Every structure is written in structure tokens, then in C-alpha cells.
């Protein structure tokens, strides 16, 4: 989980232990729009691994 939101393990453990939101996750609306376009283009038959592959190939996102 900590790798997904790009925070340190210590911050993640502290967040879990305290049950508080110490960090805010910035939501990238432009990325969400691109994901939705890819998903709809493939008629909903495209899962997250395939969407990630398409994004990596077309937009150089890691």
C-alpha cells in the first residue's frame, strides 16, 4: 500500500497505528480520464494490468 501512495513505511505504519489520516492522496483527474477512455474503448474488458501496459506504452507512465 505504501508504494502505491508513495510514502515511507514509517508514515504508513504510523497512519495505521493511529487510525488518522496523516497524508493526503492527490487525485490525478487527467489520469483518471485517460483510464476511463481506455476502459470504455475496450468495452469494459480491459483490466488494470492491461490499462497500465497501455498507459506505459503510450504515455511513458511508470
Protein backbone atom coordinates (compact mmCIF):
# COMPACT_ATOMS: atom_id res chain seq x y z
CA UNK A 1 0.00 0.00 0.00
CA UNK A 2 2.73 2.48 0.91
CA UNK A 3 4.31 2.01 -2.53
CA UNK A 4 1.05 2.91 -4.25
CA UNK A 5 0.70 6.24 -2.45
CA UNK A 6 4.46 6.87 -2.47
CA UNK A 7 5.04 7.37 1.26
CA UNK A 8 7.58 5.91 3.65
CA UNK A 9 6.90 2.69 5.52
CA UNK A 10 7.18 4.59 8.82
CA UNK A 11 4.47 7.04 7.78
CA UNK A 12 2.21 4.21 6.65
CA UNK A 13 2.71 2.28 9.91
CA UNK A 14 2.06 5.42 11.97
CA UNK A 15 -1.11 6.08 9.94
CA UNK A 16 -2.34 2.50 10.53
CA UNK A 17 -1.43 2.58 14.25
CA UNK A 18 -3.08 5.94 14.93
CA UNK A 19 -6.04 5.44 12.64
CA UNK A 20 -5.66 9.01 11.41
CA UNK A 21 -5.14 10.48 8.00
CA UNK A 22 -1.66 12.00 8.16
CA UNK A 23 -1.27 12.25 4.43
CA UNK A 24 -3.50 13.32 1.61
CA UNK A 25 -3.50 11.49 -1.70
CA UNK A 26 -3.58 13.81 -4.69
CA UNK A 27 -6.06 12.50 -7.21
CA UNK A 28 -4.96 12.97 -10.81
CA UNK A 29 -8.18 13.68 -12.71
CA UNK A 30 -6.43 13.71 -16.09
CA UNK A 31 -5.05 10.21 -15.46
CA UNK A 32 -8.48 9.02 -14.31
CA UNK A 33 -9.99 10.38 -17.52
CA UNK A 34 -7.39 8.53 -19.64
CA UNK A 35 -8.06 5.30 -17.73
CA UNK A 36 -11.79 5.68 -18.30
CA UNK A 37 -11.25 6.30 -22.03
CA UNK A 38 -9.10 3.15 -22.35
CA UNK A 39 -11.59 1.10 -20.31
CA UNK A 40 -14.54 2.27 -22.41
CA UNK A 41 -12.63 1.79 -25.69
CA UNK A 42 -12.17 -1.87 -24.79
CA UNK A 43 -15.87 -2.20 -23.81
CA UNK A 44 -15.04 -2.75 -20.15
CA UNK A 45 -13.00 -5.86 -20.92
CA UNK A 46 -9.66 -4.27 -20.02
CA UNK A 47 -8.29 -4.87 -16.52
CA UNK A 48 -5.81 -2.83 -14.54
CA UNK A 49 -2.70 -4.72 -15.76
CA UNK A 50 -3.65 -4.13 -19.39
CA UNK A 51 -4.57 -0.49 -18.75
CA UNK A 52 -1.22 0.06 -17.06
CA UNK A 53 0.56 -1.54 -20.01
CA UNK A 54 -1.29 0.69 -22.47
CA UNK A 55 -0.54 3.80 -20.43
CA UNK A 56 3.13 2.86 -20.14
CA UNK A 57 3.42 2.32 -23.88
CA UNK A 58 1.54 5.43 -24.96
CA UNK A 59 2.40 8.00 -22.32
CA UNK A 60 5.59 6.73 -20.67
CA UNK A 61 3.95 6.48 -17.22
CA UNK A 62 5.64 4.16 -14.72
